[in-house]
Amino acid sequence: MTTPSSLTALSVNLNKVALVRNTRHLGIPSVLRAATLCLQAGATGITVHPRPDERHIRAHDVHDLAALLSSDWPQVEFNIEGNPFHNLMDFVRACRPHQATFVPDSETQSTSDHGWSFPSDAERLRPLIAETQALGVRVSLFMDPIPEMMAAVKAVGADRVELYTEGYAASRGSARAPEVLARYAETARAAQAAGLEVNAGHDLSRDNLTDFLRAVQGVKEVSIGHAFVADALELGYAATTRDYLRCIDEAQAAK
């Protein structure tokens, strides 16, 4: 299955499936089974964020998913997220996913909570971006919605940015919401004007995804994990996948 180029791709982040599995030693719920059910229902990507402490996704999960996608789902994008100064590059070199998303998280924080900063991060990122691209892997940098930084992201060699969307999600229903959403739209335009493609992720959900995609034009991919797995606990993987695809379709229909 393929996604038309005009549509935003849905990449399902499986971290929280692994987190539940790791509380026991039974191997359930299965990360591979979750990936398969989501892909059968129409998801077009799989994302994992393996942290050094293996609190959720473990090294074998990354390799097992790479093997599954390569053999059974070659058209599906595999996105590995992480800090390139911790353990991410080992997975990039071994698995050569379609995309590596560089995230500046510390080893102890519970989840990603900020993007890279330019120009301060530029020189240390540059050689790792070049190495990753030499392996045939697209590089996306996790970024806050700061339009002024987009040209610097392009200058350092990245292919995409992933807009960190917690600020958007947290602003919903507040007086600041229109201003915050406009900032994301402005950042996406600045990225695209600089020659970058745009992804988005963090705290996107069925409640806020359509409005985000209506306002922020040209988003190539959304990566959704926490809300997706929470929904799947109630609806199942397949129904949850289809409902997120509905949100994407509704945003597209409004354009």
Protein backbone atom coordinates (compact mmCIF):
# COMPACT_ATOMS: atom_id res chain seq x y z
CA MET A 1 0.00 0.00 0.00
CA THR A 2 1.19 3.53 -0.67
CA THR A 3 0.19 6.99 0.48
CA PRO A 4 -0.55 9.60 -2.20
CA SER A 5 2.08 12.33 -2.14
CA SER A 6 -0.55 14.93 -1.24
CA LEU A 7 -1.47 13.10 1.97
CA THR A 8 0.34 13.15 5.29
CA ALA A 9 1.87 9.78 6.17
CA LEU A 10 0.91 8.19 9.49
CA SER A 11 3.89 6.70 11.34
CA VAL A 12 2.90 4.76 14.45
CA ASN A 13 5.32 5.04 17.38
CA LEU A 14 5.44 1.70 19.20
CA ASN A 15 7.38 2.74 22.31
CA LYS A 16 4.43 2.42 24.68
CA VAL A 17 3.63 -1.09 23.43
CA ALA A 18 7.16 -2.10 24.45
CA LEU A 19 6.80 -0.28 27.78
CA VAL A 20 3.81 -2.45 28.74
CA ARG A 21 5.55 -5.61 27.53
CA ASN A 22 8.62 -4.87 29.62
CA THR A 23 6.66 -4.99 32.88
CA ARG A 24 6.61 -8.80 32.61
CA HIS A 25 8.72 -11.48 30.96
CA LEU A 26 6.04 -12.99 28.74
CA GLY A 27 6.76 -11.12 25.52
CA ILE A 28 3.28 -9.62 25.34
CA PRO A 29 2.03 -7.34 24.00
CA SER A 30 4.17 -8.03 20.93
CA VAL A 31 5.78 -5.05 19.23
CA LEU A 32 5.95 -6.94 15.93
CA ARG A 33 2.29 -7.93 16.15
CA ALA A 34 1.32 -4.33 16.90
CA ALA A 35 3.29 -3.13 13.87
CA THR A 36 1.67 -5.74 11.64
CA LEU A 37 -1.88 -4.90 12.72
CA CYS A 38 -1.33 -1.17 12.25
CA LEU A 39 0.20 -1.67 8.81
CA GLN A 40 -2.57 -4.02 7.73
CA ALA A 41 -5.04 -1.27 8.68
CA GLY A 42 -3.28 1.32 6.54
CA ALA A 43 -0.48 2.94 8.53
CA THR A 44 2.40 3.88 6.25
CA GLY A 45 5.24 4.10 8.74
CA ILE A 46 6.63 2.72 11.98
CA THR A 47 8.59 4.81 14.47
CA VAL A 48 10.66 3.74 17.47
CA HIS A 49 12.74 5.78 19.89
CA PRO A 50 15.19 3.39 21.59
CA ARG A 51 16.73 5.05 24.63
CA PRO A 52 20.01 3.91 26.20
CA ASP A 53 18.27 2.51 29.30
CA GLU A 54 15.90 0.39 27.15
CA ARG A 55 12.96 1.47 29.27
CA HIS A 56 10.66 0.60 26.36
CA ILE A 57 12.04 -0.23 22.91
CA ARG A 58 15.00 -2.58 23.21
CA ALA A 59 17.81 -3.19 20.75
CA HIS A 60 16.30 -6.45 19.52
CA ASP A 61 13.01 -4.64 18.78
CA VAL A 62 14.77 -2.27 16.39
CA HIS A 63 16.49 -5.11 14.56
CA ASP A 64 13.38 -7.29 14.53
CA LEU A 65 11.28 -4.45 13.10
CA ALA A 66 13.91 -3.68 10.47
CA ALA A 67 13.83 -7.32 9.38
CA LEU A 68 10.02 -7.47 9.35
CA LEU A 69 9.62 -4.31 7.32
CA SER A 70 12.34 -5.27 4.89
CA SER A 71 10.85 -8.68 4.19
CA ASP A 72 7.09 -8.11 4.46
CA TRP A 73 6.51 -4.37 4.15
CA PRO A 74 9.26 -2.92 1.93
CA GLN A 75 7.10 0.08 0.99
CA VAL A 76 6.68 1.12 4.65
CA GLU A 77 8.94 3.80 6.11
CA PHE A 78 10.98 2.93 9.19
CA ASN A 79 11.87 5.93 11.33
CA ILE A 80 14.31 5.58 14.22
CA GLU A 81 14.41 8.52 16.64
CA GLY A 82 16.99 9.33 19.25
CA ASN A 83 19.97 11.35 20.30
CA PRO A 84 22.83 10.85 17.82
CA PHE A 85 25.31 11.47 20.64
CA HIS A 86 23.92 8.54 22.65
CA ASN A 87 22.88 5.30 20.96
CA LEU A 88 21.04 6.34 17.79
CA MET A 89 23.95 6.09 15.36
CA ASP A 90 24.58 2.41 16.18
CA PHE A 91 21.06 1.61 15.01
CA VAL A 92 21.36 3.82 11.94
CA ARG A 93 24.56 2.09 10.88
CA ALA A 94 23.20 -1.40 11.48
CA CYS A 95 19.62 -1.04 10.22
CA ARG A 96 19.76 1.81 7.71
CA PRO A 97 16.16 2.94 8.20
CA HIS A 98 14.46 5.24 5.74
CA GLN A 99 14.69 8.10 8.22
CA ALA A 100 16.65 9.00 11.34
CA THR A 101 15.13 11.70 13.51
CA PHE A 102 17.77 13.39 15.66
CA VAL A 103 16.33 14.41 19.05
CA PRO A 104 18.30 16.32 21.73
CA ASP A 105 16.96 14.43 24.72
CA SER A 106 18.99 13.54 27.78
CA GLU A 107 19.34 9.97 29.00
CA THR A 108 17.20 10.65 32.07
CA GLN A 109 14.25 12.67 30.78
CA SER A 110 10.94 10.84 30.45
CA THR A 111 10.15 12.13 26.97
CA SER A 112 11.43 14.60 24.40
CA ASP A 113 10.72 18.16 25.49
CA HIS A 114 12.69 20.56 23.26
CA GLY A 115 14.33 20.85 19.89
CA TRP A 116 17.86 21.56 18.68
CA SER A 117 19.22 25.10 18.89
CA PHE A 118 21.06 26.92 16.14
CA PRO A 119 23.76 28.00 15.69
CA SER A 120 24.99 26.35 18.92
CA ASP A 121 24.29 22.75 17.84
CA ALA A 122 25.25 23.12 14.20
CA GLU A 123 28.88 22.07 14.10
CA ARG A 124 28.51 18.95 16.22
CA LEU A 125 25.49 17.80 14.22
CA ARG A 126 27.00 18.40 10.80
CA PRO A 127 29.30 15.32 10.57
CA LEU A 128 26.61 12.96 11.90
CA ILE A 129 24.07 14.28 9.41
CA ALA A 130 26.58 13.74 6.61
CA GLU A 131 27.39 10.21 7.79
CA THR A 132 23.72 9.29 8.06
CA GLN A 133 22.94 10.57 4.59
CA ALA A 134 25.96 8.72 3.17
CA LEU A 135 24.27 5.53 4.42
CA GLY A 136 21.22 6.42 2.36
CA VAL A 137 19.16 7.54 5.36
CA ARG A 138 17.10 10.74 5.43
CA VAL A 139 17.78 13.05 8.38
CA SER A 140 15.05 14.93 10.23
CA LEU A 141 15.87 17.28 13.11
CA PHE A 142 13.46 17.67 16.03
CA MET A 143 12.80 21.40 16.27
CA ASP A 144 10.75 23.90 18.22
CA PRO A 145 8.46 26.14 16.12
CA ILE A 146 11.02 28.89 15.53
CA PRO A 147 10.87 30.12 11.92
CA GLU A 148 14.18 31.93 12.20
CA MET A 149 16.07 28.64 12.72
CA MET A 150 14.86 26.88 9.58
CA ALA A 151 17.47 28.29 7.22
CA ALA A 152 20.20 27.19 9.65
CA VAL A 153 18.75 23.66 9.72
CA LYS A 154 19.00 23.51 5.95
CA ALA A 155 22.52 24.93 6.04
CA VAL A 156 23.69 22.15 8.35
CA GLY A 157 22.50 19.59 5.80
CA ALA A 158 19.26 18.15 7.21
CA ASP A 159 16.51 16.94 4.89
CA ARG A 160 13.52 17.54 7.15
CA VAL A 161 12.43 19.03 10.44
CA GLU A 162 10.03 17.39 12.86
CA LEU A 163 8.07 20.15 14.55
CA TYR A 164 7.73 19.51 18.28
CA THR A 165 3.97 19.88 18.74
CA GLU A 166 3.47 19.69 22.51
CA GLY A 167 3.07 23.48 22.59
CA TYR A 168 0.24 23.26 20.10
CA ALA A 169 -1.48 20.45 21.99
CA ALA A 170 -1.15 22.22 25.34
CA SER A 171 -2.57 25.48 23.97
CA ARG A 172 -5.82 23.95 22.73
CA GLY A 173 -8.84 25.70 24.17
CA SER A 174 -6.84 28.65 25.47
CA ALA A 175 -6.85 32.26 24.33
CA ARG A 176 -3.34 31.72 22.92
CA ALA A 177 -4.31 28.81 20.71
CA PRO A 178 -4.68 30.74 17.41
CA GLU A 179 -1.35 32.51 17.95
CA VAL A 180 0.43 29.25 18.78
CA LEU A 181 -0.99 27.44 15.76
CA ALA A 182 -0.05 30.36 13.52
CA ARG A 183 3.53 30.05 14.77
CA TYR A 184 3.65 26.42 13.65
CA ALA A 185 2.25 27.35 10.25
CA GLU A 186 4.82 30.12 9.90
CA THR A 187 7.63 27.74 10.86
CA ALA A 188 6.48 25.16 8.30
CA ARG A 189 6.44 27.82 5.59
CA ALA A 190 9.93 28.96 6.58
CA ALA A 191 11.20 25.38 6.49
CA GLN A 192 9.71 24.73 3.08
CA ALA A 193 11.05 28.04 1.75
CA ALA A 194 14.51 26.94 2.90
CA GLY A 195 14.17 23.64 1.01
CA LEU A 196 13.23 21.39 3.93
CA GLU A 197 10.33 18.97 4.23
CA VAL A 198 8.22 19.03 7.39
CA ASN A 199 7.18 16.30 9.82
CA ALA A 200 5.36 16.77 13.12
CA GLY A 201 4.96 14.90 16.36
CA HIS A 202 4.43 14.90 20.12
CA ASP A 203 1.04 14.92 21.83
CA LEU A 204 -0.87 14.82 18.55
CA SER A 205 -4.15 12.95 18.96
CA ARG A 206 -7.48 12.27 17.33
CA ASP A 207 -8.76 15.43 19.02
CA ASN A 208 -6.21 17.83 17.58
CA LEU A 209 -4.62 16.26 14.49
CA THR A 210 -7.10 17.44 11.86
CA ASP A 211 -6.99 21.07 12.97
CA PHE A 212 -3.20 21.02 13.00
CA LEU A 213 -2.95 19.63 9.48
CA ARG A 214 -5.54 22.06 8.18
CA ALA A 215 -3.51 25.00 9.45
CA VAL A 216 0.02 23.71 8.84
CA GLN A 217 0.35 23.04 5.15
CA GLY A 218 2.51 20.39 3.53
CA VAL A 219 3.25 18.13 6.51
CA LYS A 220 4.82 14.98 5.09
CA GLU A 221 4.53 12.73 8.15
CA VAL A 222 3.08 12.68 11.64
CA SER A 223 4.56 10.36 14.26
CA ILE A 224 2.06 9.45 16.97
CA GLY A 225 2.63 7.12 19.89
CA HIS A 226 1.27 7.89 23.34
CA ALA A 227 -2.23 8.93 22.28
CA PHE A 228 -2.31 6.22 19.62
CA VAL A 229 -1.58 3.42 22.09
CA ALA A 230 -4.02 4.90 24.62
CA ASP A 231 -6.72 4.84 21.94
CA ALA A 232 -5.74 1.33 20.89
CA LEU A 233 -6.34 0.06 24.42
CA GLU A 234 -10.00 0.96 23.91
CA LEU A 235 -10.50 0.55 20.16
CA GLY A 236 -7.85 -1.91 19.04
CA TYR A 237 -4.91 -1.27 16.73
CA ALA A 238 -6.82 -1.52 13.47
CA ALA A 239 -9.72 0.75 14.40
CA THR A 240 -7.33 3.28 15.91
CA THR A 241 -5.20 3.32 12.76
CA ARG A 242 -8.26 3.85 10.59
CA ASP A 243 -9.49 6.70 12.78
CA TYR A 244 -6.16 8.54 12.61
CA LEU A 245 -6.23 8.09 8.84
CA ARG A 246 -9.73 9.59 8.91
CA CYS A 247 -8.33 12.63 10.72
CA ILE A 248 -5.70 13.02 8.01
CA ASP A 249 -8.26 12.57 5.25
CA GLU A 250 -10.55 15.20 6.79
CA ALA A 251 -7.70 17.70 6.91
CA GLN A 252 -6.89 16.99 3.27
CA ALA A 253 -10.52 17.36 2.21
CA ALA A 254 -10.67 20.80 3.78
CA LYS A 255 -7.79 22.13 1.64
